[in-house]
Amino acid sequence: MPDITVTPTGTDLFTVTIADATSSTTHRVRVSAIDLRRIAPGVQPVRLVEESFRFLLEHEPKESILRTFDLPVIGRYFPEYEQVIRSRLS
Protein backbone atom coordinates (compact mmCIF):
# COMPACT_ATOMS: atom_id res chain seq x y z
CA MET A 1 0.00 0.00 0.00
CA PRO A 2 1.27 3.52 -0.73
CA ASP A 3 2.37 5.84 2.06
CA ILE A 4 -0.34 8.21 3.29
CA THR A 5 0.65 11.47 4.97
CA VAL A 6 -2.09 13.60 6.54
CA THR A 7 -1.25 17.19 7.48
CA PRO A 8 -3.72 19.53 9.22
CA THR A 9 -3.82 22.82 7.28
CA GLY A 10 -6.69 24.59 9.01
CA THR A 11 -9.43 24.09 11.56
CA ASP A 12 -11.15 21.43 9.50
CA LEU A 13 -8.86 21.15 6.46
CA PHE A 14 -6.26 18.51 5.75
CA THR A 15 -3.71 17.97 3.01
CA VAL A 16 -3.18 14.33 2.15
CA THR A 17 -0.20 13.08 0.16
CA ILE A 18 -0.23 9.57 -1.22
CA ALA A 19 3.14 8.32 -2.44
CA ASP A 20 4.34 5.05 -3.88
CA ALA A 21 7.55 4.07 -5.63
CA THR A 22 6.63 5.80 -8.89
CA SER A 23 4.59 8.92 -8.09
CA SER A 24 2.55 10.89 -5.59
CA THR A 25 -0.76 12.72 -5.48
CA THR A 26 -1.99 15.50 -3.22
CA HIS A 27 -5.53 15.96 -1.97
CA ARG A 28 -7.34 18.55 0.17
CA VAL A 29 -10.08 17.25 2.45
CA ARG A 30 -12.53 19.02 4.74
CA VAL A 31 -13.85 17.28 7.87
CA SER A 32 -16.41 19.30 9.77
CA ALA A 33 -16.88 18.75 13.50
CA ILE A 34 -20.40 17.50 12.78
CA ASP A 35 -19.13 14.93 10.28
CA LEU A 36 -16.40 13.82 12.68
CA ARG A 37 -18.95 13.24 15.48
CA ARG A 38 -21.29 11.38 13.13
CA ILE A 39 -18.74 9.17 11.37
CA ALA A 40 -16.18 8.51 14.09
CA PRO A 41 -17.03 10.02 17.48
CA GLY A 42 -14.03 10.31 19.78
CA VAL A 43 -11.51 9.67 17.00
CA GLN A 44 -8.85 12.22 16.10
CA PRO A 45 -9.58 13.80 12.70
CA VAL A 46 -6.14 12.91 11.31
CA ARG A 47 -6.82 9.24 12.09
CA LEU A 48 -10.23 9.41 10.40
CA VAL A 49 -8.77 11.00 7.27
CA GLU A 50 -5.92 8.48 7.12
CA GLU A 51 -8.26 5.50 7.48
CA SER A 52 -10.63 7.02 4.92
CA PHE A 53 -7.81 7.19 2.39
CA ARG A 54 -6.86 3.59 3.14
CA PHE A 55 -10.48 2.71 2.36
CA LEU A 56 -10.36 4.70 -0.89
CA LEU A 57 -7.12 3.04 -1.98
CA GLU A 58 -8.75 -0.36 -1.51
CA HIS A 59 -11.33 0.69 -4.10
CA GLU A 60 -9.47 2.83 -6.62
CA PRO A 61 -6.00 4.02 -7.64
CA LYS A 62 -4.67 7.18 -6.01
CA GLU A 63 -4.94 9.04 -9.31
CA SER A 64 -8.72 8.49 -9.33
CA ILE A 65 -9.33 10.04 -5.90
CA LEU A 66 -10.82 13.53 -6.06
CA ARG A 67 -8.24 16.26 -5.47
CA THR A 68 -10.53 18.38 -3.24
CA PHE A 69 -13.61 17.17 -1.37
CA ASP A 70 -15.55 17.07 1.88
CA LEU A 71 -15.10 13.71 3.62
CA PRO A 72 -18.80 12.65 3.46
CA VAL A 73 -18.59 12.70 -0.36
CA ILE A 74 -16.91 9.29 -0.13
CA GLY A 75 -20.28 7.81 0.87
CA ARG A 76 -21.85 9.00 -2.39
CA TYR A 77 -19.44 6.80 -4.35
CA PHE A 78 -19.16 3.98 -1.83
CA PRO A 79 -22.36 3.61 0.24
CA GLU A 80 -20.68 1.20 2.68
CA TYR A 81 -17.98 3.76 3.58
CA GLU A 82 -19.32 5.06 6.92
CA GLN A 83 -20.21 1.61 8.23
CA VAL A 84 -16.79 0.22 7.29
CA ILE A 85 -14.94 3.18 8.82
CA ARG A 86 -16.93 2.98 12.06
CA SER A 87 -16.10 -0.70 12.42
CA ARG A 88 -12.40 -0.13 11.72
CA LEU A 89 -12.09 2.75 14.17
CA SER A 90 -14.16 1.35 17.04
C-alpha atoms as a PDB file:
ATOM      1  CA  MET A   1       0.000   0.000   0.000  1.00  0.00           C
ATOM      2  CA  PRO A   2       1.266   3.523  -0.732  1.00  0.00           C
ATOM      3  CA  ASP A   3       2.374   5.836   2.064  1.00  0.00           C
ATOM      4  CA  ILE A   4      -0.344   8.207   3.293  1.00  0.00           C
ATOM      5  CA  THR A   5       0.648  11.467   4.968  1.00  0.00           C
ATOM      6  CA  VAL A   6      -2.092  13.600   6.537  1.00  0.00           C
ATOM      7  CA  THR A   7      -1.246  17.188   7.483  1.00  0.00           C
ATOM      8  CA  PRO A   8      -3.724  19.531   9.216  1.00  0.00           C
ATOM      9  CA  THR A   9      -3.823  22.819   7.278  1.00  0.00           C
ATOM     10  CA  GLY A  10      -6.695  24.593   9.014  1.00  0.00           C
ATOM     11  CA  THR A  11      -9.432  24.091  11.559  1.00  0.00           C
ATOM     12  CA  ASP A  12     -11.154  21.429   9.502  1.00  0.00           C
ATOM     13  CA  LEU A  13      -8.864  21.146   6.460  1.00  0.00           C
ATOM     14  CA  PHE A  14      -6.256  18.508   5.747  1.00  0.00           C
ATOM     15  CA  THR A  15      -3.713  17.970   3.008  1.00  0.00           C
ATOM     16  CA  VAL A  16      -3.176  14.329   2.148  1.00  0.00           C
ATOM     17  CA  THR A  17      -0.202  13.084   0.160  1.00  0.00           C
ATOM     18  CA  ILE A  18      -0.225   9.568  -1.218  1.00  0.00           C
ATOM     19  CA  ALA A  19       3.135   8.316  -2.442  1.00  0.00           C
ATOM     20  CA  ASP A  20       4.340   5.054  -3.882  1.00  0.00           C
ATOM     21  CA  ALA A  21       7.553   4.074  -5.629  1.00  0.00           C
ATOM     22  CA  THR A  22       6.627   5.797  -8.891  1.00  0.00           C
ATOM     23  CA  SER A  23       4.585   8.916  -8.094  1.00  0.00           C
ATOM     24  CA  SER A  24       2.554  10.887  -5.591  1.00  0.00           C
ATOM     25  CA  THR A  25      -0.762  12.720  -5.483  1.00  0.00           C
ATOM     26  CA  THR A  26      -1.985  15.504  -3.218  1.00  0.00           C
ATOM     27  CA  HIS A  27      -5.532  15.960  -1.971  1.00  0.00           C
ATOM     28  CA  ARG A  28      -7.340  18.549   0.170  1.00  0.00           C
ATOM     29  CA  VAL A  29     -10.081  17.246   2.447  1.00  0.00           C
ATOM     30  CA  ARG A  30     -12.532  19.024   4.738  1.00  0.00           C
ATOM     31  CA  VAL A  31     -13.846  17.276   7.865  1.00  0.00           C
ATOM     32  CA  SER A  32     -16.412  19.296   9.770  1.00  0.00           C
ATOM     33  CA  ALA A  33     -16.876  18.753  13.499  1.00  0.00           C
ATOM     34  CA  ILE A  34     -20.398  17.504  12.778  1.00  0.00           C
ATOM     35  CA  ASP A  35     -19.125  14.926  10.279  1.00  0.00           C
ATOM     36  CA  LEU A  36     -16.398  13.815  12.683  1.00  0.00           C
ATOM     37  CA  ARG A  37     -18.945  13.239  15.476  1.00  0.00           C
ATOM     38  CA  ARG A  38     -21.292  11.381  13.126  1.00  0.00           C
ATOM     39  CA  ILE A  39     -18.745   9.165  11.375  1.00  0.00           C
ATOM     40  CA  ALA A  40     -16.185   8.509  14.093  1.00  0.00           C
ATOM     41  CA  PRO A  41     -17.027  10.018  17.484  1.00  0.00           C
ATOM     42  CA  GLY A  42     -14.031  10.314  19.778  1.00  0.00           C
ATOM     43  CA  VAL A  43     -11.509   9.671  17.000  1.00  0.00           C
ATOM     44  CA  GLN A  44      -8.852  12.222  16.100  1.00  0.00           C
ATOM     45  CA  PRO A  45      -9.582  13.804  12.698  1.00  0.00           C
ATOM     46  CA  VAL A  46      -6.142  12.913  11.306  1.00  0.00           C
ATOM     47  CA  ARG A  47      -6.816   9.242  12.085  1.00  0.00           C
ATOM     48  CA  LEU A  48     -10.230   9.409  10.399  1.00  0.00           C
ATOM     49  CA  VAL A  49      -8.767  10.999   7.272  1.00  0.00           C
ATOM     50  CA  GLU A  50      -5.924   8.481   7.120  1.00  0.00           C
ATOM     51  CA  GLU A  51      -8.258   5.504   7.479  1.00  0.00           C
ATOM     52  CA  SER A  52     -10.633   7.023   4.924  1.00  0.00           C
ATOM     53  CA  PHE A  53      -7.814   7.192   2.391  1.00  0.00           C
ATOM     54  CA  ARG A  54      -6.862   3.589   3.135  1.00  0.00           C
ATOM     55  CA  PHE A  55     -10.483   2.715   2.364  1.00  0.00           C
ATOM     56  CA  LEU A  56     -10.364   4.697  -0.888  1.00  0.00           C
ATOM     57  CA  LEU A  57      -7.118   3.043  -1.980  1.00  0.00           C
ATOM     58  CA  GLU A  58      -8.750  -0.357  -1.515  1.00  0.00           C
ATOM     59  CA  HIS A  59     -11.333   0.687  -4.104  1.00  0.00           C
ATOM     60  CA  GLU A  60      -9.475   2.831  -6.616  1.00  0.00           C
ATOM     61  CA  PRO A  61      -6.003   4.019  -7.643  1.00  0.00           C
ATOM     62  CA  LYS A  62      -4.672   7.178  -6.005  1.00  0.00           C
ATOM     63  CA  GLU A  63      -4.936   9.039  -9.311  1.00  0.00           C
ATOM     64  CA  SER A  64      -8.720   8.494  -9.328  1.00  0.00           C
ATOM     65  CA  ILE A  65      -9.325  10.040  -5.901  1.00  0.00           C
ATOM     66  CA  LEU A  66     -10.817  13.528  -6.059  1.00  0.00           C
ATOM     67  CA  ARG A  67      -8.243  16.255  -5.469  1.00  0.00           C
ATOM     68  CA  THR A  68     -10.529  18.377  -3.244  1.00  0.00           C
ATOM     69  CA  PHE A  69     -13.608  17.174  -1.372  1.00  0.00           C
ATOM     70  CA  ASP A  70     -15.554  17.069   1.878  1.00  0.00           C
ATOM     71  CA  LEU A  71     -15.098  13.713   3.616  1.00  0.00           C
ATOM     72  CA  PRO A  72     -18.800  12.650   3.465  1.00  0.00           C
ATOM     73  CA  VAL A  73     -18.585  12.705  -0.358  1.00  0.00           C
ATOM     74  CA  ILE A  74     -16.907   9.293  -0.131  1.00  0.00           C
ATOM     75  CA  GLY A  75     -20.281   7.815   0.871  1.00  0.00           C
ATOM     76  CA  ARG A  76     -21.847   8.999  -2.393  1.00  0.00           C
ATOM     77  CA  TYR A  77     -19.445   6.805  -4.349  1.00  0.00           C
ATOM     78  CA  PHE A  78     -19.163   3.981  -1.825  1.00  0.00           C
ATOM     79  CA  PRO A  79     -22.364   3.605   0.240  1.00  0.00           C
ATOM     80  CA  GLU A  80     -20.681   1.201   2.677  1.00  0.00           C
ATOM     81  CA  TYR A  81     -17.978   3.764   3.584  1.00  0.00           C
ATOM     82  CA  GLU A  82     -19.323   5.056   6.920  1.00  0.00           C
ATOM     83  CA  GLN A  83     -20.206   1.609   8.230  1.00  0.00           C
ATOM     84  CA  VAL A  84     -16.790   0.215   7.293  1.00  0.00           C
ATOM     85  CA  ILE A  85     -14.939   3.184   8.819  1.00  0.00           C
ATOM     86  CA  ARG A  86     -16.933   2.983  12.056  1.00  0.00           C
ATOM     87  CA  SER A  87     -16.101  -0.696  12.424  1.00  0.00           C
ATOM     88  CA  ARG A  88     -12.397  -0.133  11.720  1.00  0.00           C
ATOM     89  CA  LEU A  89     -12.085   2.753  14.168  1.00  0.00           C
ATOM     90  CA  SER A  90     -14.159   1.346  17.039  1.00  0.00           C
END
